[in-house]
Amino acid sequence: MGWAGRLRSRGLGWLVASTAILVIIAAVTGEPWWAIVVTAVTTVAASIVFTAVRRWRGVAGAKAAYQRAIDSGHAEAAAWAAADLGVLLAEQGDGAGAKAAYQRAVDSGHAELAPRAAHLLSELS
């Protein structure tokens, strides 16, 4: 089981509180919540928040949130969102969409995500 699976198995109570704090910070600063996550917290936390969005808003809401982050032009957020969107689309059986999302993460050149996305892309081919 990967780190994300271990976090999910431990419950999300702490995540609800953390997300509430992020929403308050976003409201006060006027910044998008995902930009605050990416710039103020570790990149791992960004992935956790995207996972929470998926749970709370469902697949359609998660896709929309990922796309907004990708379209934002924020390099870090866009890379994480593209990689996570690829995973979501692969789980939904959308191989073509997953490949496109993974390729976008690869093209980002992100030191951590680009190699991971390239590996996931190769598994789809």
N, C-alpha and C. Protein backbone atom coordinates (compact mmCIF):
# COMPACT_ATOMS: atom_id res chain seq x y z
N MET A 1 0.86 -1.18 0.00
CA MET A 1 0.00 0.00 0.00
C MET A 1 0.90 1.23 0.00
N GLY A 2 0.60 2.18 -0.87
CA GLY A 2 1.38 3.42 -0.97
C GLY A 2 1.03 4.38 0.14
N TRP A 3 1.74 5.52 0.15
CA TRP A 3 1.52 6.51 1.21
C TRP A 3 0.11 7.06 1.18
N ALA A 4 -0.46 7.24 -0.02
CA ALA A 4 -1.81 7.78 -0.09
C ALA A 4 -2.82 6.79 0.50
N GLY A 5 -2.62 5.51 0.23
CA GLY A 5 -3.50 4.49 0.79
C GLY A 5 -3.43 4.44 2.30
N ARG A 6 -2.20 4.59 2.83
CA ARG A 6 -2.04 4.59 4.29
C ARG A 6 -2.75 5.79 4.91
N LEU A 7 -2.67 6.96 4.25
CA LEU A 7 -3.35 8.14 4.78
C LEU A 7 -4.86 7.95 4.76
N ARG A 8 -5.37 7.39 3.66
CA ARG A 8 -6.82 7.19 3.56
C ARG A 8 -7.31 6.23 4.64
N SER A 9 -6.50 5.20 4.94
CA SER A 9 -6.93 4.22 5.93
C SER A 9 -6.94 4.77 7.34
N ARG A 10 -6.31 5.91 7.57
CA ARG A 10 -6.23 6.50 8.91
C ARG A 10 -7.35 7.49 9.19
N GLY A 11 -8.20 7.72 8.23
CA GLY A 11 -9.30 8.67 8.44
C GLY A 11 -8.92 10.06 7.98
N LEU A 12 -9.91 10.89 7.79
CA LEU A 12 -9.68 12.21 7.24
C LEU A 12 -10.04 13.34 8.19
N GLY A 13 -10.24 13.05 9.48
CA GLY A 13 -10.62 14.10 10.42
C GLY A 13 -9.61 15.24 10.46
N TRP A 14 -8.34 14.91 10.52
CA TRP A 14 -7.30 15.94 10.54
C TRP A 14 -7.28 16.72 9.23
N LEU A 15 -7.65 16.05 8.13
CA LEU A 15 -7.64 16.71 6.83
C LEU A 15 -8.78 17.72 6.73
N VAL A 16 -9.90 17.41 7.34
CA VAL A 16 -11.03 18.33 7.33
C VAL A 16 -10.62 19.63 8.03
N ALA A 17 -9.98 19.52 9.18
CA ALA A 17 -9.54 20.71 9.91
C ALA A 17 -8.51 21.49 9.12
N SER A 18 -7.56 20.79 8.52
CA SER A 18 -6.53 21.46 7.72
C SER A 18 -7.13 22.18 6.53
N THR A 19 -8.09 21.54 5.88
CA THR A 19 -8.73 22.15 4.72
C THR A 19 -9.55 23.37 5.13
N ALA A 20 -10.20 23.31 6.28
CA ALA A 20 -10.95 24.46 6.77
C ALA A 20 -10.02 25.65 6.97
N ILE A 21 -8.85 25.41 7.50
CA ILE A 21 -7.86 26.48 7.68
C ILE A 21 -7.46 27.06 6.34
N LEU A 22 -7.25 26.20 5.35
CA LEU A 22 -6.88 26.66 4.02
C LEU A 22 -7.97 27.51 3.39
N VAL A 23 -9.21 27.12 3.60
CA VAL A 23 -10.34 27.89 3.06
C VAL A 23 -10.38 29.28 3.69
N ILE A 24 -10.14 29.36 4.99
CA ILE A 24 -10.12 30.65 5.67
C ILE A 24 -8.98 31.52 5.13
N ILE A 25 -7.79 30.93 4.99
CA ILE A 25 -6.65 31.68 4.46
C ILE A 25 -6.96 32.16 3.04
N ALA A 26 -7.57 31.30 2.24
CA ALA A 26 -7.92 31.69 0.86
C ALA A 26 -8.91 32.85 0.87
N ALA A 27 -9.88 32.81 1.77
CA ALA A 27 -10.88 33.87 1.83
C ALA A 27 -10.25 35.20 2.25
N VAL A 28 -9.31 35.14 3.18
CA VAL A 28 -8.68 36.35 3.68
C VAL A 28 -7.71 36.95 2.65
N THR A 29 -6.94 36.09 2.00
CA THR A 29 -5.92 36.59 1.07
C THR A 29 -6.42 36.80 -0.34
N GLY A 30 -7.54 36.14 -0.69
CA GLY A 30 -8.04 36.22 -2.05
C GLY A 30 -7.33 35.28 -3.01
N GLU A 31 -6.41 34.50 -2.51
CA GLU A 31 -5.69 33.53 -3.34
C GLU A 31 -6.51 32.26 -3.48
N PRO A 32 -6.36 31.55 -4.62
CA PRO A 32 -7.03 30.25 -4.75
C PRO A 32 -6.49 29.27 -3.69
N TRP A 33 -7.35 28.42 -3.18
CA TRP A 33 -6.94 27.49 -2.12
C TRP A 33 -5.79 26.61 -2.56
N TRP A 34 -5.81 26.15 -3.81
CA TRP A 34 -4.75 25.24 -4.26
C TRP A 34 -3.42 25.96 -4.35
N ALA A 35 -3.41 27.25 -4.67
CA ALA A 35 -2.15 27.99 -4.73
C ALA A 35 -1.55 28.14 -3.33
N ILE A 36 -2.42 28.33 -2.35
CA ILE A 36 -1.95 28.41 -0.96
C ILE A 36 -1.35 27.09 -0.54
N VAL A 37 -2.02 26.00 -0.89
CA VAL A 37 -1.50 24.68 -0.54
C VAL A 37 -0.12 24.48 -1.15
N VAL A 38 -0.01 24.81 -2.41
CA VAL A 38 1.24 24.56 -3.12
C VAL A 38 2.37 25.43 -2.61
N THR A 39 2.09 26.68 -2.33
CA THR A 39 3.15 27.58 -1.92
C THR A 39 3.43 27.58 -0.44
N ALA A 40 2.44 27.26 0.38
CA ALA A 40 2.63 27.35 1.83
C ALA A 40 2.88 26.01 2.51
N VAL A 41 2.59 24.94 1.83
CA VAL A 41 2.73 23.62 2.43
C VAL A 41 3.57 22.77 1.48
N THR A 42 3.96 21.61 1.90
CA THR A 42 4.75 20.75 1.04
C THR A 42 3.94 20.28 -0.15
N THR A 43 4.62 19.84 -1.19
CA THR A 43 3.94 19.36 -2.38
C THR A 43 3.14 18.09 -2.09
N VAL A 44 3.54 17.34 -1.11
CA VAL A 44 2.76 16.16 -0.73
C VAL A 44 1.39 16.59 -0.22
N ALA A 45 1.35 17.67 0.52
CA ALA A 45 0.06 18.16 1.03
C ALA A 45 -0.85 18.57 -0.12
N ALA A 46 -0.27 19.10 -1.19
CA ALA A 46 -1.09 19.47 -2.35
C ALA A 46 -1.82 18.26 -2.89
N SER A 47 -1.12 17.15 -3.00
CA SER A 47 -1.75 15.94 -3.50
C SER A 47 -2.83 15.45 -2.55
N ILE A 48 -2.60 15.58 -1.26
CA ILE A 48 -3.59 15.16 -0.27
C ILE A 48 -4.85 16.01 -0.40
N VAL A 49 -4.68 17.31 -0.59
CA VAL A 49 -5.85 18.19 -0.72
C VAL A 49 -6.62 17.86 -1.99
N PHE A 50 -5.91 17.59 -3.10
CA PHE A 50 -6.61 17.21 -4.32
C PHE A 50 -7.39 15.91 -4.10
N THR A 51 -6.83 14.99 -3.33
CA THR A 51 -7.54 13.75 -3.01
C THR A 51 -8.80 14.06 -2.20
N ALA A 52 -8.69 14.99 -1.27
CA ALA A 52 -9.86 15.37 -0.47
C ALA A 52 -10.93 16.01 -1.35
N VAL A 53 -10.52 16.85 -2.29
CA VAL A 53 -11.48 17.46 -3.21
C VAL A 53 -12.23 16.38 -3.96
N ARG A 54 -11.51 15.38 -4.39
CA ARG A 54 -12.14 14.27 -5.12
C ARG A 54 -13.18 13.57 -4.26
N ARG A 55 -12.86 13.36 -3.00
CA ARG A 55 -13.82 12.70 -2.12
C ARG A 55 -15.05 13.56 -1.86
N TRP A 56 -14.85 14.85 -1.69
CA TRP A 56 -15.96 15.73 -1.32
C TRP A 56 -16.77 16.19 -2.50
N ARG A 57 -16.13 16.40 -3.64
CA ARG A 57 -16.84 16.94 -4.79
C ARG A 57 -17.15 15.88 -5.83
N GLY A 58 -16.67 14.66 -5.63
CA GLY A 58 -16.90 13.60 -6.59
C GLY A 58 -15.96 13.73 -7.79
N VAL A 59 -16.11 12.80 -8.70
CA VAL A 59 -15.22 12.74 -9.86
C VAL A 59 -15.34 13.99 -10.73
N ALA A 60 -16.55 14.42 -11.01
CA ALA A 60 -16.74 15.60 -11.87
C ALA A 60 -16.16 16.85 -11.21
N GLY A 61 -16.38 17.01 -9.93
CA GLY A 61 -15.83 18.15 -9.21
C GLY A 61 -14.32 18.12 -9.16
N ALA A 62 -13.77 16.92 -8.98
CA ALA A 62 -12.31 16.79 -8.95
C ALA A 62 -11.71 17.12 -10.31
N LYS A 63 -12.34 16.62 -11.37
CA LYS A 63 -11.84 16.93 -12.71
C LYS A 63 -11.82 18.44 -12.94
N ALA A 64 -12.89 19.11 -12.53
CA ALA A 64 -12.96 20.56 -12.70
C ALA A 64 -11.89 21.27 -11.88
N ALA A 65 -11.67 20.81 -10.64
CA ALA A 65 -10.64 21.43 -9.79
C ALA A 65 -9.25 21.21 -10.38
N TYR A 66 -8.99 19.99 -10.85
CA TYR A 66 -7.69 19.72 -11.49
C TYR A 66 -7.50 20.62 -12.70
N GLN A 67 -8.54 20.75 -13.52
CA GLN A 67 -8.40 21.55 -14.74
C GLN A 67 -8.17 23.02 -14.42
N ARG A 68 -8.83 23.53 -13.38
CA ARG A 68 -8.59 24.92 -12.99
C ARG A 68 -7.15 25.11 -12.56
N ALA A 69 -6.62 24.16 -11.81
CA ALA A 69 -5.22 24.26 -11.37
C ALA A 69 -4.28 24.17 -12.56
N ILE A 70 -4.57 23.28 -13.50
CA ILE A 70 -3.74 23.14 -14.70
C ILE A 70 -3.77 24.44 -15.51
N ASP A 71 -4.94 25.01 -15.67
CA ASP A 71 -5.10 26.23 -16.47
C ASP A 71 -4.56 27.48 -15.78
N SER A 72 -4.26 27.38 -14.50
CA SER A 72 -3.84 28.55 -13.73
C SER A 72 -2.50 29.12 -14.16
N GLY A 73 -1.67 28.27 -14.74
CA GLY A 73 -0.33 28.72 -15.09
C GLY A 73 0.66 28.62 -13.94
N HIS A 74 0.20 28.23 -12.77
CA HIS A 74 1.08 28.03 -11.62
C HIS A 74 1.80 26.70 -11.83
N ALA A 75 3.10 26.76 -12.06
CA ALA A 75 3.85 25.58 -12.49
C ALA A 75 3.71 24.40 -11.53
N GLU A 76 3.85 24.65 -10.25
CA GLU A 76 3.79 23.57 -9.26
C GLU A 76 2.38 22.97 -9.18
N ALA A 77 1.38 23.83 -9.09
CA ALA A 77 0.00 23.36 -9.00
C ALA A 77 -0.41 22.62 -10.26
N ALA A 78 -0.02 23.16 -11.41
CA ALA A 78 -0.39 22.53 -12.68
C ALA A 78 0.23 21.14 -12.81
N ALA A 79 1.48 21.00 -12.39
CA ALA A 79 2.14 19.69 -12.47
C ALA A 79 1.45 18.66 -11.58
N TRP A 80 1.17 19.05 -10.33
CA TRP A 80 0.49 18.13 -9.42
C TRP A 80 -0.90 17.78 -9.93
N ALA A 81 -1.62 18.79 -10.40
CA ALA A 81 -2.97 18.56 -10.87
C ALA A 81 -2.98 17.65 -12.09
N ALA A 82 -2.05 17.84 -13.01
CA ALA A 82 -1.98 17.00 -14.21
C ALA A 82 -1.70 15.55 -13.83
N ALA A 83 -0.75 15.34 -12.92
CA ALA A 83 -0.43 13.98 -12.50
C ALA A 83 -1.62 13.32 -11.80
N ASP A 84 -2.24 14.06 -10.89
CA ASP A 84 -3.40 13.49 -10.17
C ASP A 84 -4.58 13.27 -11.11
N LEU A 85 -4.77 14.18 -12.06
CA LEU A 85 -5.84 13.99 -13.04
C LEU A 85 -5.58 12.73 -13.86
N GLY A 86 -4.34 12.49 -14.21
CA GLY A 86 -4.00 11.26 -14.94
C GLY A 86 -4.40 10.02 -14.16
N VAL A 87 -4.11 10.01 -12.88
CA VAL A 87 -4.48 8.87 -12.04
C VAL A 87 -6.00 8.71 -12.02
N LEU A 88 -6.70 9.80 -11.81
CA LEU A 88 -8.16 9.76 -11.77
C LEU A 88 -8.73 9.22 -13.08
N LEU A 89 -8.26 9.75 -14.20
CA LEU A 89 -8.77 9.32 -15.50
C LEU A 89 -8.44 7.86 -15.78
N ALA A 90 -7.26 7.42 -15.38
CA ALA A 90 -6.90 6.01 -15.56
C ALA A 90 -7.83 5.12 -14.74
N GLU A 91 -8.13 5.53 -13.52
CA GLU A 91 -9.05 4.77 -12.68
C GLU A 91 -10.44 4.73 -13.27
N GLN A 92 -10.83 5.77 -14.00
CA GLN A 92 -12.15 5.84 -14.62
C GLN A 92 -12.20 5.12 -15.97
N GLY A 93 -11.06 4.59 -16.41
CA GLY A 93 -11.02 3.87 -17.68
C GLY A 93 -10.80 4.75 -18.90
N ASP A 94 -10.46 6.01 -18.69
CA ASP A 94 -10.20 6.95 -19.79
C ASP A 94 -8.70 6.96 -20.08
N GLY A 95 -8.24 5.96 -20.83
CA GLY A 95 -6.83 5.82 -21.13
C GLY A 95 -6.26 7.00 -21.91
N ALA A 96 -7.00 7.47 -22.90
CA ALA A 96 -6.52 8.60 -23.72
C ALA A 96 -6.39 9.86 -22.88
N GLY A 97 -7.39 10.12 -22.04
CA GLY A 97 -7.32 11.28 -21.17
C GLY A 97 -6.19 11.18 -20.17
N ALA A 98 -6.00 9.97 -19.61
CA ALA A 98 -4.92 9.75 -18.65
C ALA A 98 -3.56 9.99 -19.32
N LYS A 99 -3.40 9.48 -20.54
CA LYS A 99 -2.14 9.68 -21.26
C LYS A 99 -1.86 11.16 -21.47
N ALA A 100 -2.88 11.91 -21.86
CA ALA A 100 -2.70 13.35 -22.09
C ALA A 100 -2.32 14.07 -20.79
N ALA A 101 -2.97 13.70 -19.70
CA ALA A 101 -2.67 14.34 -18.41
C ALA A 101 -1.25 13.98 -17.95
N TYR A 102 -0.90 12.70 -18.06
CA TYR A 102 0.46 12.30 -17.68
C TYR A 102 1.49 13.00 -18.54
N GLN A 103 1.21 13.13 -19.84
CA GLN A 103 2.16 13.81 -20.72
C GLN A 103 2.34 15.27 -20.32
N ARG A 104 1.26 15.89 -19.90
CA ARG A 104 1.36 17.28 -19.45
C ARG A 104 2.25 17.36 -18.21
N ALA A 105 2.10 16.39 -17.29
CA ALA A 105 2.96 16.37 -16.10
C ALA A 105 4.42 16.12 -16.49
N VAL A 106 4.65 15.24 -17.46
CA VAL A 106 6.01 14.99 -17.95
C VAL A 106 6.58 16.28 -18.54
N ASP A 107 5.80 16.93 -19.37
CA ASP A 107 6.24 18.15 -20.05
C ASP A 107 6.51 19.30 -19.08
N SER A 108 5.95 19.21 -17.87
CA SER A 108 6.17 20.27 -16.88
C SER A 108 7.63 20.34 -16.45
N GLY A 109 8.33 19.22 -16.56
CA GLY A 109 9.73 19.18 -16.13
C GLY A 109 9.90 19.16 -14.62
N HIS A 110 8.81 18.99 -13.89
CA HIS A 110 8.86 18.95 -12.43
C HIS A 110 9.79 17.83 -11.99
N ALA A 111 10.71 18.16 -11.11
CA ALA A 111 11.75 17.21 -10.71
C ALA A 111 11.20 15.91 -10.14
N GLU A 112 10.14 15.97 -9.38
CA GLU A 112 9.57 14.77 -8.76
C GLU A 112 8.47 14.14 -9.62
N LEU A 113 7.61 14.98 -10.16
CA LEU A 113 6.43 14.46 -10.85
C LEU A 113 6.69 13.99 -12.27
N ALA A 114 7.58 14.66 -12.99
CA ALA A 114 7.82 14.29 -14.39
C ALA A 114 8.27 12.84 -14.52
N PRO A 115 9.25 12.38 -13.73
CA PRO A 115 9.64 10.97 -13.85
C PRO A 115 8.53 9.99 -13.45
N ARG A 116 7.78 10.36 -12.40
CA ARG A 116 6.67 9.50 -11.96
C ARG A 116 5.60 9.42 -13.03
N ALA A 117 5.27 10.57 -13.63
CA ALA A 117 4.27 10.60 -14.69
C ALA A 117 4.75 9.82 -15.91
N ALA A 118 6.04 9.92 -16.22
CA ALA A 118 6.58 9.16 -17.35
C ALA A 118 6.44 7.66 -17.12
N HIS A 119 6.67 7.24 -15.88
CA HIS A 119 6.51 5.82 -15.55
C HIS A 119 5.04 5.40 -15.70
N LEU A 120 4.13 6.19 -15.18
CA LEU A 120 2.71 5.87 -15.29
C LEU A 120 2.26 5.89 -16.74
N LEU A 121 2.80 6.81 -17.51
CA LEU A 121 2.48 6.88 -18.94
C LEU A 121 2.94 5.62 -19.66
N SER A 122 4.13 5.14 -19.31
CA SER A 122 4.66 3.92 -19.95
C SER A 122 3.82 2.70 -19.60
N GLU A 123 3.22 2.70 -18.40
CA GLU A 123 2.37 1.58 -18.00
C GLU A 123 1.06 1.54 -18.79
N LEU A 124 0.63 2.70 -19.30
CA LEU A 124 -0.61 2.75 -20.09
C LEU A 124 -0.38 2.35 -21.53
N SER A 125 0.85 2.49 -21.99
CA SER A 125 1.14 2.22 -23.42
C SER A 125 1.18 0.75 -23.72
